[in-house]
Protein backbone atom coordinates (compact mmCIF):
# COMPACT_ATOMS: atom_id res chain seq x y z
CA MET A 1 105.44 79.84 109.44
CA ALA A 2 108.05 78.91 112.07
CA ASP A 3 109.68 81.54 114.30
CA PHE A 4 107.16 84.24 113.37
CA LYS A 5 108.75 87.57 114.39
CA ILE A 6 107.08 90.04 112.07
CA THR A 7 104.63 91.65 114.47
CA SER A 8 107.27 92.33 117.11
CA PHE A 9 109.55 93.71 114.37
CA LEU A 10 106.82 96.14 113.24
CA THR A 11 106.07 97.16 116.80
CA ASP A 12 109.60 98.17 117.68
CA LYS A 13 112.69 97.45 115.56
CA ILE A 14 111.47 98.84 112.23
CA GLN A 15 111.54 102.34 113.67
CA GLN A 16 115.30 102.08 114.17
CA LEU A 17 116.08 101.44 110.50
CA ARG A 18 117.79 104.03 108.26
CA ILE A 19 117.13 103.46 104.56
CA ALA A 20 118.04 105.54 101.49
CA VAL A 21 115.90 105.62 98.36
CA ILE A 22 117.41 106.78 95.06
CA GLY A 23 115.52 107.04 91.79
CA ASP A 24 113.07 108.81 89.52
CA VAL A 25 111.02 111.25 91.58
CA MET A 26 107.43 111.99 90.58
CA LEU A 27 104.34 113.80 91.74
CA ASP A 28 101.00 112.06 91.27
CA ARG A 29 97.96 114.34 91.06
CA TYR A 30 94.36 113.09 91.13
CA PHE A 31 91.40 115.17 89.96
CA HIS A 32 88.27 113.46 91.31
CA GLY A 33 84.87 114.25 89.85
CA GLU A 34 81.65 112.92 88.43
CA VAL A 35 80.44 112.35 84.90
CA LYS A 36 76.82 113.16 84.03
CA ARG A 37 76.92 114.14 80.37
CA ILE A 38 78.82 114.02 77.08
CA SER A 39 80.46 117.19 75.78
CA PRO A 40 78.60 118.95 72.95
CA GLU A 41 82.00 119.91 71.50
CA ALA A 42 83.25 116.34 71.03
CA PRO A 43 82.13 112.79 71.93
CA VAL A 44 83.95 112.81 75.27
CA PRO A 45 82.59 112.69 78.85
CA VAL A 46 82.48 115.93 80.82
CA THR A 47 84.00 115.41 84.26
CA LYS A 48 82.96 117.91 86.93
CA ILE A 49 85.90 118.11 89.35
CA ASN A 50 85.01 118.29 93.04
CA ARG A 51 88.25 117.23 94.71
CA ILE A 52 91.97 117.41 93.95
CA ASN A 53 94.67 115.58 95.86
CA SER A 54 98.40 115.11 95.32
CA VAL A 55 100.53 112.19 96.51
CA LEU A 56 104.14 111.10 96.29
CA GLY A 57 104.78 109.01 93.18
CA GLY A 58 107.58 107.05 91.57
CA ALA A 59 110.60 106.66 93.81
CA THR A 60 109.04 108.99 96.38
CA ASN A 61 106.19 106.48 96.83
CA VAL A 62 108.81 103.91 97.88
CA ALA A 63 110.09 106.46 100.40
CA ALA A 64 106.53 107.16 101.56
CA ASN A 65 105.94 103.45 102.17
CA LEU A 66 109.11 103.23 104.27
CA ALA A 67 108.24 106.38 106.21
CA HIS A 68 104.72 105.18 107.00
CA LEU A 69 106.19 101.87 108.14
CA GLY A 70 108.20 103.85 110.68
CA CYS A 71 111.67 103.85 109.09
CA LYS A 72 113.97 106.86 108.94
CA VAL A 73 114.03 107.56 105.19
CA PHE A 74 116.42 109.59 103.02
CA MET A 75 115.30 110.49 99.48
CA GLY A 76 117.68 111.13 96.60
CA GLY A 77 116.66 112.19 93.10
CA ILE A 78 116.28 115.07 90.66
CA THR A 79 113.47 117.61 90.28
CA GLY A 80 112.95 120.91 88.53
CA GLU A 81 112.84 124.31 90.18
CA ASP A 82 109.08 124.74 90.00
CA GLU A 83 105.80 124.67 91.92
CA ASN A 84 105.53 120.89 91.72
CA ARG A 85 108.91 120.64 93.47
CA GLN A 86 107.47 122.78 96.29
CA LEU A 87 104.45 120.51 96.51
CA LEU A 88 106.73 117.46 96.68
CA GLU A 89 108.69 119.06 99.52
CA LYS A 90 105.48 119.73 101.44
CA LEU A 91 104.29 116.14 101.02
CA MET A 92 107.65 114.72 102.08
CA GLU A 93 107.77 116.94 105.14
CA GLU A 94 104.32 115.70 106.12
CA ALA A 95 105.47 112.10 105.68
CA GLY A 96 108.63 112.66 107.71
CA ILE A 97 111.01 111.99 104.80
CA ASP A 98 114.48 113.59 104.73
CA TYR A 99 114.72 115.02 101.19
CA SER A 100 118.19 116.58 101.51
CA GLY A 101 119.23 114.39 98.56
CA LEU A 102 116.52 115.78 96.28
CA VAL A 103 118.62 117.82 93.85
CA SER A 104 116.88 120.85 92.36
CA SER A 105 117.99 121.26 88.76
CA PRO A 106 117.39 124.30 86.51
CA LEU A 107 117.77 121.94 83.55
CA ARG A 108 114.61 119.96 84.28
CA LYS A 109 110.94 120.08 85.21
CA THR A 110 109.52 117.99 88.03
CA ILE A 111 107.95 114.83 86.59
CA THR A 112 104.20 114.96 87.20
CA LYS A 113 101.39 112.55 86.34
CA LEU A 114 97.87 113.98 86.33
CA ARG A 115 94.89 111.62 86.43
CA VAL A 116 91.23 112.57 85.99
CA LEU A 117 88.74 110.19 87.64
CA GLY A 118 84.99 110.08 87.16
CA GLY A 119 83.73 108.18 90.18
CA GLN A 120 86.12 105.21 90.46
CA GLN A 121 86.92 105.18 86.73
CA GLN A 122 90.11 106.77 85.40
CA MET A 123 89.06 108.96 82.49
CA LEU A 124 92.37 110.51 81.43
CA ARG A 125 96.06 110.60 82.33
CA LEU A 126 98.45 113.41 81.40
CA ASP A 127 102.23 113.02 81.86
CA PHE A 128 104.54 116.01 82.21
CA GLU A 129 108.15 114.86 81.97
CA GLU A 130 111.55 115.36 80.39
CA VAL A 131 113.46 112.09 80.17
CA GLY A 132 117.26 112.16 80.12
CA ASP A 133 120.36 110.78 81.85
CA LEU A 134 121.95 112.61 84.74
CA PHE A 135 123.98 115.70 83.94
CA PRO A 136 127.49 115.65 85.48
CA GLN A 137 126.63 118.16 88.20
CA GLU A 138 123.47 116.22 89.12
CA ARG A 139 125.36 112.94 89.43
CA GLU A 140 128.07 114.61 91.49
CA ALA A 141 125.51 116.04 93.93
CA LEU A 142 123.72 112.70 94.34
CA THR A 143 126.99 110.81 94.82
CA ALA A 144 128.20 113.24 97.49
CA TRP A 145 124.86 112.92 99.31
CA LEU A 146 125.04 109.11 99.29
CA ASP A 147 128.67 109.14 100.50
CA ARG A 148 127.67 111.25 103.51
CA LEU A 149 124.80 108.92 104.38
CA LEU A 150 126.94 105.79 104.12
CA GLU A 151 129.52 107.34 106.42
CA THR A 152 126.87 108.08 109.07
CA GLY A 153 125.30 104.64 108.68
CA LEU A 154 122.57 103.03 106.57
CA ASP A 155 120.71 99.74 106.89
CA GLY A 156 119.67 99.52 103.25
CA VAL A 157 119.47 101.24 99.87
CA ILE A 158 116.63 101.02 97.35
CA VAL A 159 117.12 102.06 93.73
CA SER A 160 113.72 102.80 92.18
CA ASP A 161 114.06 102.90 88.39
CA TYR A 162 111.20 104.32 86.32
CA ALA A 163 113.37 104.77 83.21
CA LYS A 164 113.32 108.57 83.43
CA GLY A 165 117.11 109.02 83.56
CA VAL A 166 118.37 108.97 87.15
CA CYS A 167 119.15 105.24 87.15
CA ALA A 168 121.68 105.19 84.33
CA SER A 169 124.05 102.21 84.16
CA GLY A 170 127.24 103.82 85.48
CA PHE A 171 125.46 105.56 88.35
CA VAL A 172 123.57 102.44 89.53
CA GLN A 173 126.78 100.41 89.48
CA ASP A 174 128.46 103.15 91.52
CA VAL A 175 125.62 103.03 94.10
CA ILE A 176 125.87 99.24 94.41
CA ALA A 177 129.66 99.33 94.84
CA LYS A 178 129.57 102.10 97.45
CA ALA A 179 126.82 100.38 99.45
CA HIS A 180 128.56 97.00 99.36
CA ALA A 181 131.80 98.60 100.55
CA LYS A 182 129.87 99.40 103.75
CA ALA A 183 128.08 95.99 103.82
CA VAL A 184 124.72 97.67 103.06
CA PRO A 185 122.21 95.62 101.03
CA VAL A 186 120.85 97.09 97.77
CA LEU A 187 117.41 96.37 96.34
CA ILE A 188 116.52 97.33 92.76
CA ASP A 189 112.99 97.97 91.53
CA PRO A 190 113.80 97.56 87.80
CA LYS A 191 112.54 98.96 84.54
CA GLY A 192 113.37 97.81 81.02
CA ALA A 193 115.01 94.76 79.48
CA ASP A 194 118.67 95.65 80.19
CA TRP A 195 119.54 94.36 83.64
CA SER A 196 123.30 94.63 83.18
CA LYS A 197 123.21 97.97 84.99
CA TYR A 198 121.79 96.18 88.07
CA ALA A 199 124.50 93.49 88.14
CA GLY A 200 125.63 92.48 91.60
CA CYS A 201 122.64 93.81 93.54
CA ASP A 202 121.24 91.89 96.50
CA PHE A 203 117.56 91.96 95.52
CA ILE A 204 115.62 92.78 92.37
CA THR A 205 111.80 92.96 92.33
CA PRO A 206 110.33 92.73 88.80
CA ASN A 207 106.69 92.03 88.11
CA LEU A 208 105.95 89.17 85.71
CA LYS A 209 105.88 91.44 82.65
CA GLU A 210 109.27 92.96 83.57
CA MET A 211 110.69 89.50 84.25
CA CYS A 212 109.62 88.36 80.77
CA GLU A 213 111.12 91.48 79.17
CA ALA A 214 114.44 90.84 80.88
CA ALA A 215 114.34 87.18 79.78
CA GLY A 216 113.50 88.19 76.21
CA CYS A 217 110.44 85.95 76.05
CA ALA A 218 106.77 85.72 77.01
CA LYS A 219 105.85 82.96 79.46
CA ASP A 220 102.74 82.00 81.39
CA ASN A 221 102.40 82.82 85.06
CA GLU A 222 103.37 79.31 86.15
CA ASP A 223 105.79 78.35 88.92
CA ALA A 224 108.24 76.45 86.73
CA ALA A 225 108.43 79.19 84.08
CA VAL A 226 108.91 81.95 86.66
CA MET A 227 111.59 79.98 88.51
CA ASP A 228 113.44 79.28 85.27
CA MET A 229 113.48 82.94 84.19
CA ALA A 230 114.47 84.14 87.66
CA GLN A 231 117.27 81.60 88.02
CA SER A 232 118.67 82.49 84.59
CA ALA A 233 118.63 86.21 85.37
CA ARG A 234 120.17 85.63 88.79
CA THR A 235 123.06 83.71 87.24
CA LEU A 236 123.55 86.01 84.25
CA PHE A 237 123.65 89.24 86.26
CA ASN A 238 125.11 87.93 89.53
CA ILE A 239 121.99 88.94 91.51
CA LYS A 240 121.60 87.25 94.89
CA ASN A 241 117.79 87.23 95.08
CA VAL A 242 115.22 87.64 92.31
CA VAL A 243 111.73 88.36 93.67
CA VAL A 244 108.95 88.21 91.06
CA THR A 245 105.56 89.73 91.86
CA ARG A 246 102.92 87.64 90.09
CA SER A 247 99.54 89.39 90.54
CA GLU A 248 96.91 86.84 91.61
CA LYS A 249 99.63 84.22 92.24
CA GLY A 250 101.48 86.28 94.81
CA MET A 251 105.29 86.45 94.92
CA THR A 252 108.19 84.12 94.27
CA LEU A 253 111.77 84.56 95.55
CA VAL A 254 114.60 82.64 93.93
CA ASN A 255 118.22 82.45 95.11
CA ASP A 256 120.98 79.85 95.02
CA LYS A 257 119.67 78.01 98.08
CA GLU A 258 115.88 78.17 98.06
CA VAL A 259 112.67 79.11 96.29
CA ILE A 260 109.94 80.82 98.29
CA HIS A 261 106.36 81.04 97.02
CA SER A 262 104.00 83.39 98.88
CA PRO A 263 100.34 83.33 97.72
CA ALA A 264 98.44 86.55 97.02
CA ALA A 265 96.85 88.20 100.04
CA ALA A 266 94.35 90.67 98.53
CA ILE A 267 90.65 89.76 98.61
CA GLU A 268 89.55 92.67 96.40
CA VAL A 269 91.78 94.40 93.85
CA PHE A 270 90.84 97.97 92.99
CA ASP A 271 94.12 99.47 91.77
CA VAL A 272 97.60 97.97 91.37
CA SER A 273 99.26 101.42 91.18
CA GLY A 274 102.27 101.53 93.48
CA ALA A 275 102.07 97.89 94.58
CA GLY A 276 105.61 97.27 93.34
CA ASP A 277 106.84 100.24 95.38
CA THR A 278 105.22 98.73 98.48
CA VAL A 279 106.84 95.35 97.85
CA ALA A 280 110.27 96.93 97.41
CA ALA A 281 109.98 99.04 100.56
CA THR A 282 108.56 96.35 102.82
CA LEU A 283 110.85 93.59 101.59
CA LEU A 284 114.04 95.58 102.12
CA ALA A 285 112.84 96.82 105.52
CA GLY A 286 112.32 93.22 106.58
CA VAL A 287 115.73 92.14 105.31
CA ALA A 288 117.45 95.16 106.92
CA GLY A 289 115.64 94.31 110.17
CA LYS A 290 117.10 90.78 110.10
CA LEU A 291 113.86 88.95 109.39
CA SER A 292 114.29 85.67 107.54
CA LEU A 293 113.74 85.81 103.78
CA GLN A 294 110.53 83.82 104.20
CA GLU A 295 109.22 86.32 106.75
CA ALA A 296 110.29 89.34 104.70
CA VAL A 297 108.60 88.00 101.56
CA TYR A 298 105.45 87.14 103.51
CA MET A 299 105.32 90.63 105.07
CA ALA A 300 105.84 92.30 101.68
CA ASN A 301 103.08 90.19 100.15
CA ARG A 302 100.61 91.09 102.92
CA ALA A 303 101.50 94.78 102.48
CA ALA A 304 100.89 94.59 98.73
CA GLY A 305 97.51 93.01 99.42
CA ILE A 306 96.51 96.05 101.47
CA VAL A 307 97.65 98.52 98.82
CA VAL A 308 95.89 96.97 95.82
CA ALA A 309 92.59 97.12 97.74
CA LYS A 310 92.86 100.94 97.69
CA VAL A 311 92.21 103.38 94.86
CA GLY A 312 95.21 105.35 93.57
CA THR A 313 98.81 105.47 94.75
CA TYR A 314 98.70 104.51 98.43
CA PRO A 315 101.62 103.82 100.80
CA VAL A 316 101.06 101.04 103.31
CA HIS A 317 100.98 102.17 106.96
CA ARG A 318 102.69 100.33 109.82
CA ASP A 319 99.61 100.03 112.01
CA GLU A 320 97.46 98.90 109.10
CA LEU A 321 99.99 96.19 108.23
CA LEU A 322 100.35 95.23 111.89
CA LYS A 323 96.58 94.82 112.20
CA ASP A 324 96.50 92.66 109.06
CA LEU A 325 99.33 90.44 110.32
CA LEU A 326 97.79 90.06 113.77
CA THR A 327 94.54 88.97 112.12
CA GLU A 328 96.40 86.42 110.03
CA GLU A 329 98.31 85.13 113.06
CA ARG A 330 95.00 84.63 114.83
CA LYS A 331 93.59 82.66 111.89
CA GLN A 332 96.63 80.39 112.01
CA GLY A 333 96.22 79.74 115.73
CA ARG A 334 99.15 81.80 116.97
CA GLY A 335 99.21 84.04 120.01
CA TYR A 336 96.75 86.92 120.03
CA ARG A 337 97.06 90.47 121.30
CA THR A 338 94.88 93.52 120.91
CA LEU A 339 96.16 96.77 119.41
CA SER A 340 97.44 99.46 121.77
CA TRP A 341 95.70 102.83 122.02
CA GLU A 342 98.51 104.42 120.01
CA GLU A 343 98.27 101.76 117.30
CA ILE A 344 94.47 101.95 117.05
CA ALA A 345 94.50 105.76 116.89
CA SER A 346 97.08 105.66 114.10
CA LEU A 347 95.12 103.00 112.24
CA ALA A 348 91.89 105.01 112.49
CA ALA A 349 93.70 108.12 111.22
CA THR A 350 95.07 106.11 108.28
CA TRP A 351 91.62 104.87 107.33
CA LYS A 352 90.08 108.33 107.60
CA ALA A 353 92.89 109.88 105.53
CA ALA A 354 92.02 107.36 102.80
CA GLY A 355 88.42 108.61 102.88
CA GLU A 356 87.07 105.52 104.68
CA THR A 357 84.38 105.83 107.38
CA VAL A 358 85.41 104.63 110.86
CA VAL A 359 82.72 103.32 113.22
CA PHE A 360 83.30 102.77 116.96
CA THR A 361 81.28 100.92 119.57
CA ASN A 362 82.09 99.45 122.95
CA GLY A 363 80.92 96.94 125.51
CA CYS A 364 81.77 93.97 127.72
CA PHE A 365 80.74 91.25 125.26
CA ASP A 366 80.90 88.54 127.93
CA ILE A 367 79.76 85.24 126.35
CA ILE A 368 79.13 86.43 122.81
CA HIS A 369 75.69 85.50 121.46
CA VAL A 370 73.47 86.17 118.44
CA GLY A 371 72.33 89.50 119.85
CA HIS A 372 75.92 90.73 120.03
CA VAL A 373 76.72 89.59 116.47
CA THR A 374 73.58 91.17 115.00
CA TYR A 375 74.34 94.44 116.79
CA LEU A 376 77.96 94.48 115.56
CA GLU A 377 76.91 93.70 111.99
CA LYS A 378 74.48 96.61 112.04
CA ALA A 379 77.21 98.89 113.40
CA ARG A 380 79.70 97.75 110.72
CA ASN A 381 77.16 98.42 107.97
CA LEU A 382 77.24 102.11 108.89
CA GLY A 383 80.80 102.53 107.59
CA LYS A 384 83.91 100.91 106.14
CA HIS A 385 85.69 99.89 109.38
CA LEU A 386 84.38 98.90 112.82
CA ILE A 387 86.54 99.32 115.92
CA VAL A 388 85.31 97.70 119.14
CA GLY A 389 86.36 99.10 122.51
CA LEU A 390 86.31 96.20 124.99
CA ASN A 391 86.03 96.60 128.77
CA THR A 392 88.91 94.98 130.65
CA ASP A 393 88.12 92.38 133.32
CA ALA A 394 88.63 95.00 136.04
CA SER A 395 86.20 97.47 134.49
CA VAL A 396 83.60 94.72 133.92
CA GLN A 397 83.79 93.82 137.61
CA ARG A 398 83.18 97.43 138.57
CA LEU A 399 80.17 97.55 136.25
CA LYS A 400 78.62 94.12 136.82
CA GLY A 401 79.99 92.77 140.11
CA VAL A 402 82.72 90.41 141.23
CA THR A 403 81.23 87.34 139.50
CA ARG A 404 81.78 88.87 136.09
CA PRO A 405 83.21 88.59 133.53
CA LEU A 406 82.88 84.88 132.90
CA VAL A 407 85.35 85.03 130.00
CA HIS A 408 88.85 86.55 130.25
CA GLU A 409 89.41 89.87 128.43
CA LEU A 410 91.89 88.46 125.88
CA ASP A 411 89.59 85.54 125.10
CA ARG A 412 86.67 87.94 124.64
CA ALA A 413 88.87 90.10 122.40
CA ARG A 414 89.98 87.17 120.28
CA VAL A 415 86.39 85.98 119.67
CA LEU A 416 85.34 89.52 118.71
CA ALA A 417 88.28 89.95 116.36
CA ALA A 418 87.36 86.69 114.61
CA LEU A 419 84.06 88.21 113.45
CA ALA A 420 84.11 89.36 109.83
CA CYS A 421 82.31 92.59 110.76
CA VAL A 422 84.99 93.64 113.29
CA ASP A 423 88.17 95.28 111.99
CA ALA A 424 90.00 95.88 115.26
CA VAL A 425 89.61 95.41 119.02
CA VAL A 426 91.14 97.60 121.72
CA LEU A 427 90.91 97.26 125.51
CA PHE A 428 90.01 100.10 127.89
CA ASP A 429 90.08 100.03 131.70
CA GLN A 430 88.11 103.20 132.46
CA ASP A 431 84.45 103.22 133.51
CA THR A 432 83.53 104.88 130.19
CA PRO A 433 85.28 104.82 126.80
CA THR A 434 85.41 108.63 126.57
CA GLU A 435 89.20 108.87 126.79
CA LEU A 436 89.66 106.12 124.21
CA ILE A 437 87.16 107.75 121.85
CA SER A 438 89.05 111.03 122.18
CA GLN A 439 92.10 109.24 120.75
CA ILE A 440 90.27 107.46 117.91
CA ARG A 441 87.83 110.25 116.97
CA PRO A 442 85.54 108.00 114.91
CA ASP A 443 83.25 109.25 112.19
CA ILE A 444 80.33 107.39 113.77
CA LEU A 445 79.89 106.42 117.44
CA VAL A 446 77.39 103.60 117.94
CA LYS A 447 75.53 102.71 121.14
CA GLY A 448 72.90 100.04 121.70
CA GLY A 449 69.66 100.12 123.64
CA ASP A 450 67.41 103.02 124.58
CA TYR A 451 70.08 105.71 124.95
CA LYS A 452 69.54 109.17 123.57
CA PRO A 453 72.43 110.52 121.44
CA GLU A 454 73.08 113.33 123.93
CA GLU A 455 73.58 110.73 126.71
CA VAL A 456 76.32 108.71 125.00
CA ALA A 457 79.77 108.96 126.59
CA GLY A 458 82.45 110.31 124.24
CA ARG A 459 79.94 111.81 121.79
CA GLU A 460 81.90 115.10 121.68
CA TYR A 461 84.81 113.31 119.97
CA ALA A 462 82.76 111.63 117.22
CA GLY A 463 81.40 112.94 113.95
CA GLU A 464 77.93 111.64 114.78
CA VAL A 465 76.11 109.26 117.15
CA GLN A 466 73.88 106.39 116.04
CA ILE A 467 71.64 104.32 118.35
CA ILE A 468 71.00 100.68 117.41
CA ASP A 469 68.31 98.59 119.10
CA PHE A 470 69.43 95.37 120.78
CA GLU A 471 68.01 92.10 119.46
CA ASP A 472 65.07 91.09 121.65
CA GLY A 473 65.41 87.93 123.73
CA TYR A 474 69.21 87.77 123.73
CA SER A 475 71.48 88.65 126.64
CA THR A 476 74.43 87.21 128.54
CA THR A 477 72.32 87.21 131.69
CA ASN A 478 69.74 84.95 130.00
CA VAL A 479 72.49 82.55 128.96
CA VAL A 480 73.95 82.46 132.47
CA ASN A 481 70.52 81.93 134.07
CA LYS A 482 69.72 79.07 131.69
CA ILE A 483 73.02 77.34 132.51
CA ALA A 484 72.42 77.83 136.25
CA GLU A 485 68.90 76.40 135.97
CA LEU A 486 70.10 73.33 134.08
CA ALA A 487 72.89 72.81 136.61
CA LYS A 488 70.42 73.07 139.48
CA LYS A 489 68.30 70.33 137.85
CA GLY A 490 71.38 68.15 137.48
CA LEU A 491 71.19 68.23 133.70
CA LEU A 492 74.72 69.54 133.25
């Protein structure tokens, strides 16, 4: 991809964006347990609950994605005056979302979806909701909130329609007109077959099923069929860009000048819940940040690939997406850089919050050989993610003398990052990695050789310490000595 600017955009500019999200607000609750028997009362599995967690759902998941990407987010919608509203407020505060546009209505209950999971299998879903169009006082409050935001400045608006009542035709048209009067782009995440209420928007992001519903037909997931449906809808409803998410075939954007196909990025798909929210959030952030359409679509597709590899509703995080994009840049031969301490600490926190085990090890890794790879593979097998702390050139010299390292720090980092067992590489200049480990706080700290756990630097900041034996017969010194011996004999 020419003029690749995404990583620099994620590092800096995305945090300057101000984006409003309007739509159907929901709370997603997950009751996690295990199933060991069938109920004697009825032929149903008995699920013993051992963990409960609540996350932002519906339109608030779009807002959560934007917030975790680093944007300043403003949430508008309707809730009831109940305990679930209070839980939503708590979750939005934790995510850094401004929910001043979340209207509390005595006429409603907060929409809540409750899922019971036995292991990784969803056993039951219960929906608590009251569907209905906006009451006059609700619409008035939301309109006044949006007017204030547009006056103070917005970079984009997302309308997230889950067909629960907020996104009625007249109100959506009013949002589009008000935003366009201030030259603010509007993206619609649609629901239902009637797209007339979305007429004139800048972007619409249906999945294939929603695209077929709007077209009034069922078509295969083929390029020509998707392009035909998207082009017809774009013309009929005066929509600038139709972006169809196509599961295993990725995404396709159609406008009056170009068609962009972006192949799917996910290696493993565990749960597609919320993937559309991630696409909507990431795509509009890219457009608002002045990325090209090709770059914005590509970034949104990579973000969706991260989300579908998780279980449950999961908002993509900026550092996680940045790491993924840096890895992809490296594969395509573009410039390489390691993650900063701040980025790696945030990424580790994201992984741990998702219940994934983070492993850390460190070393010089000068001239990587089989012993290094075997050691790193063993370390990675202890958890879900392996972070490698790499000594800078200066710290290697202090440890091993002025003739070392033989390979520059960024070259060593790039080779390490290319290994399938390594998830991220971060440089440290200190004599020990203690300070770095205090920032990452890994679940497992790994050291090689004949160390005792109580001797390992940084152990006080890790959940546990594991010692892994080095592979006999392999060392950088042996490699260097063999090269020197061959050179001395004139064989090199």
